[in-house]
Amino acid sequence: MDRDPRIDAYIAGAAPFVQPILERLRAIVHEAVPGIEETLKWGMPSWVHAGGIVCMMAAFKQHVSFGFWQHALVMGEGVERDGMGSFGKLRTAGDLPPKRELVALVRKAARLNEQGVKATGPRKQAAPKPAPEVQPALAAALRRNKAAAAAFKAFTPGKQRDYCEWIAEAKREDTRERRVAQAVEWIAQGKPRNWKYM
């Protein structure tokens, strides 16, 4: 079975004006690569072939988006993405490239998967977050409790940040004081801020 009923439901649930665009894209993908596997990934209709995602589409309130997983390799290095799609915001079937061109691009994307080609290039690295700013009240409380101070120092920066942000978010002084006392108790026990949910 090459048609996923979840995608039928996705298309049926989309705005009426985008349904013909979604149906056309779906038909073109199946024509380009007979037997391609349909699925939902991240809630969006997606097509998988030779162990990798080939392309995806999504319906929005005002437009449709269609894009290739390996956009740069399929479309060419110089072709920028517009949002998550490879063709910008598609508002009518006329916004799609000609069928012959789209079929060729889908086939190219499928061949890349068959050949085991992976996208290359540097991945965007997230900038490291600065060290958490320890509230003066928490710093003073930690100085008075050696066990808590040692445990806090051993925490990862993310776990330290969880406590610091929780205390900093307190709007009233009495709330801040309660949070500091609770934090020191938990920290001394080696518990991260959200230990109850672990």
Protein backbone atom coordinates (compact mmCIF):
# COMPACT_ATOMS: atom_id res chain seq x y z
CA MET A 1 0.00 0.00 0.00
CA ASP A 2 1.60 3.27 -1.09
CA ARG A 3 -1.08 5.64 0.24
CA ASP A 4 -1.26 6.45 3.93
CA PRO A 5 -4.81 7.12 5.20
CA ARG A 6 -3.39 9.67 7.65
CA ILE A 7 -2.37 11.80 4.69
CA ASP A 8 -5.88 11.46 3.24
CA ALA A 9 -7.15 12.84 6.55
CA TYR A 10 -4.50 15.59 6.58
CA ILE A 11 -5.55 16.78 3.12
CA ALA A 12 -9.25 16.55 3.97
CA GLY A 13 -8.64 18.66 7.08
CA ALA A 14 -6.77 21.40 5.19
CA ALA A 15 -8.41 24.59 3.94
CA PRO A 16 -10.43 23.86 0.77
CA PHE A 17 -8.33 26.19 -1.40
CA VAL A 18 -5.09 24.31 -0.60
CA GLN A 19 -6.47 20.78 -1.03
CA PRO A 20 -5.92 20.75 -4.85
CA ILE A 21 -2.29 21.83 -4.33
CA LEU A 22 -1.71 19.07 -1.77
CA GLU A 23 -3.35 16.45 -4.02
CA ARG A 24 -1.29 17.56 -7.03
CA LEU A 25 1.97 17.41 -5.06
CA ARG A 26 1.10 13.96 -3.74
CA ALA A 27 0.29 12.67 -7.22
CA ILE A 28 3.54 14.07 -8.66
CA VAL A 29 5.64 12.46 -5.92
CA HIS A 30 4.01 9.06 -6.57
CA GLU A 31 4.42 9.41 -10.32
CA ALA A 32 8.09 10.34 -9.93
CA VAL A 33 8.94 7.44 -7.62
CA PRO A 34 6.46 4.55 -7.87
CA GLY A 35 6.23 2.69 -4.58
CA ILE A 36 7.62 5.56 -2.50
CA GLU A 37 6.56 5.26 1.14
CA GLU A 38 4.15 7.83 2.55
CA THR A 39 4.18 8.71 6.23
CA LEU A 40 3.67 11.55 8.68
CA LYS A 41 6.77 13.11 10.21
CA TRP A 42 6.42 15.96 12.68
CA GLY A 43 2.74 16.01 11.76
CA MET A 44 3.46 16.68 8.06
CA PRO A 45 2.96 14.43 5.03
CA SER A 46 6.38 13.06 4.10
CA TRP A 47 7.79 10.62 1.57
CA VAL A 48 10.58 8.19 2.38
CA HIS A 49 12.70 6.20 -0.07
CA ALA A 50 15.85 4.12 0.35
CA GLY A 51 16.03 4.78 4.08
CA GLY A 52 15.71 8.56 4.04
CA ILE A 53 13.22 11.37 3.70
CA VAL A 54 12.82 12.59 0.13
CA CYS A 55 10.37 15.46 0.56
CA MET A 56 7.64 16.90 2.78
CA MET A 57 4.65 19.17 2.46
CA ALA A 58 2.63 21.19 4.93
CA ALA A 59 -0.61 23.15 4.79
CA PHE A 60 -0.89 26.50 6.52
CA LYS A 61 -3.78 28.97 6.78
CA GLN A 62 -2.68 30.98 3.75
CA HIS A 63 -0.38 28.68 1.77
CA VAL A 64 1.27 25.29 1.25
CA SER A 65 4.93 24.50 1.66
CA PHE A 66 6.76 21.73 -0.21
CA GLY A 67 10.42 21.00 0.22
CA PHE A 68 13.20 18.49 -0.22
CA TRP A 69 14.98 17.04 2.79
CA GLN A 70 18.32 17.57 1.05
CA HIS A 71 17.30 20.93 -0.38
CA ALA A 72 20.78 22.21 -1.30
CA LEU A 73 21.74 19.00 -3.10
CA VAL A 74 18.47 18.80 -5.01
CA MET A 75 17.90 22.47 -5.83
CA GLY A 76 21.52 23.60 -6.01
CA GLU A 77 23.73 25.38 -3.51
CA GLY A 78 22.69 28.88 -4.59
CA VAL A 79 18.95 28.35 -4.18
CA GLU A 80 17.90 29.67 -0.79
CA ARG A 81 15.05 28.14 1.16
CA ASP A 82 12.00 30.25 1.79
CA GLY A 83 10.98 29.10 5.25
CA MET A 84 10.80 25.33 5.28
CA GLY A 85 9.89 24.89 1.63
CA SER A 86 11.94 24.66 -1.53
CA PHE A 87 9.46 26.69 -3.63
CA GLY A 88 8.27 29.49 -1.39
CA LYS A 89 4.67 29.94 -0.33
CA LEU A 90 2.37 28.06 -2.69
CA ARG A 91 -1.07 29.67 -2.79
CA THR A 92 -2.38 28.12 -6.02
CA ALA A 93 -1.48 25.12 -8.18
CA GLY A 94 -0.06 27.69 -10.63
CA ASP A 95 2.66 28.53 -8.10
CA LEU A 96 4.14 25.06 -8.57
CA PRO A 97 6.96 24.55 -11.06
CA PRO A 98 5.99 22.70 -14.24
CA LYS A 99 5.14 19.04 -13.64
CA ARG A 100 8.08 17.73 -15.70
CA GLU A 101 10.54 19.83 -13.66
CA LEU A 102 9.03 18.77 -10.33
CA VAL A 103 9.04 15.08 -11.30
CA ALA A 104 12.73 15.37 -12.23
CA LEU A 105 13.56 17.02 -8.90
CA VAL A 106 11.72 14.35 -6.89
CA ARG A 107 13.57 11.64 -8.81
CA LYS A 108 16.87 13.39 -8.15
CA ALA A 109 16.11 13.51 -4.42
CA ALA A 110 15.21 9.80 -4.42
CA ARG A 111 18.44 8.91 -6.28
CA LEU A 112 20.48 10.78 -3.67
CA ASN A 113 18.96 8.50 -1.02
CA GLU A 114 19.60 5.41 -3.15
CA GLN A 115 23.26 6.44 -3.51
CA GLY A 116 23.57 7.09 0.22
CA VAL A 117 24.46 10.73 -0.35
CA LYS A 118 24.08 12.87 2.76
CA ALA A 119 23.89 16.63 2.94
CA THR A 120 27.27 18.15 3.58
CA GLY A 121 28.36 21.42 5.02
CA PRO A 122 28.73 22.86 8.45
CA ARG A 123 25.89 22.44 10.87
CA LYS A 124 24.85 25.52 12.72
CA GLN A 125 26.32 25.43 16.16
CA ALA A 126 24.33 26.99 18.95
CA ALA A 127 26.25 29.68 20.74
CA PRO A 128 27.15 28.52 24.22
CA LYS A 129 24.99 30.06 26.90
CA PRO A 130 26.72 32.28 29.40
CA ALA A 131 27.25 31.00 32.92
CA PRO A 132 24.09 31.40 34.99
CA GLU A 133 23.79 34.55 37.07
CA VAL A 134 23.44 33.44 40.67
CA GLN A 135 21.02 35.61 42.63
CA PRO A 136 22.65 37.27 45.66
CA ALA A 137 20.16 35.59 48.02
CA LEU A 138 21.01 32.13 46.62
CA ALA A 139 24.75 32.85 46.72
CA ALA A 140 24.50 33.89 50.38
CA ALA A 141 22.45 30.80 51.27
CA LEU A 142 24.93 28.51 49.51
CA ARG A 143 27.83 30.07 51.44
CA ARG A 144 26.03 29.10 54.67
CA ASN A 145 25.49 25.48 53.56
CA LYS A 146 28.71 23.71 52.50
CA ALA A 147 26.93 20.57 51.22
CA ALA A 148 24.60 22.61 49.03
CA ALA A 149 27.48 24.77 47.79
CA ALA A 150 29.50 21.69 46.78
CA ALA A 151 26.51 20.06 45.07
CA PHE A 152 25.63 23.28 43.22
CA LYS A 153 29.21 23.62 42.00
CA ALA A 154 29.09 20.02 40.72
CA PHE A 155 25.86 20.63 38.79
CA THR A 156 26.02 21.20 35.05
CA PRO A 157 25.52 24.82 33.95
CA GLY A 158 22.02 23.90 32.77
CA LYS A 159 21.01 22.54 36.18
CA GLN A 160 22.49 25.60 37.87
CA ARG A 161 20.59 27.83 35.42
CA ASP A 162 17.30 26.05 36.25
CA TYR A 163 17.62 27.05 39.91
CA CYS A 164 18.87 30.57 39.16
CA GLU A 165 16.03 31.31 36.74
CA TRP A 166 13.42 29.85 39.10
CA ILE A 167 14.56 32.15 41.88
CA ALA A 168 14.94 35.18 39.57
CA GLU A 169 11.36 34.72 38.30
CA ALA A 170 9.93 35.31 41.77
CA LYS A 171 8.05 38.61 41.77
CA ARG A 172 7.70 39.04 45.53
CA GLU A 173 10.45 38.99 48.13
CA ASP A 174 8.72 36.38 50.32
CA THR A 175 8.33 34.09 47.29
CA ARG A 176 12.03 34.53 46.49
CA GLU A 177 12.97 33.66 50.09
CA ARG A 178 10.82 30.49 50.03
CA ARG A 179 12.36 29.44 46.75
CA VAL A 180 15.90 30.02 48.01
CA ALA A 181 15.22 27.90 51.10
CA GLN A 182 13.64 25.14 49.00
CA ALA A 183 16.46 25.30 46.46
CA VAL A 184 19.18 24.97 49.10
CA GLU A 185 17.40 21.96 50.61
CA TRP A 186 17.10 20.19 47.24
CA ILE A 187 20.60 21.15 46.11
CA ALA A 188 22.10 19.77 49.33
CA GLN A 189 20.39 16.46 48.48
CA GLY A 190 21.90 16.60 44.96
CA LYS A 191 18.51 17.07 43.34
CA PRO A 192 18.12 19.09 40.13
CA ARG A 193 15.37 21.71 40.07
CA ASN A 194 12.85 19.47 38.27
CA TRP A 195 13.73 16.24 40.08
CA LYS A 196 10.06 15.43 40.67
CA TYR A 197 9.53 14.91 36.94
CA MET A 198 12.50 12.64 36.33
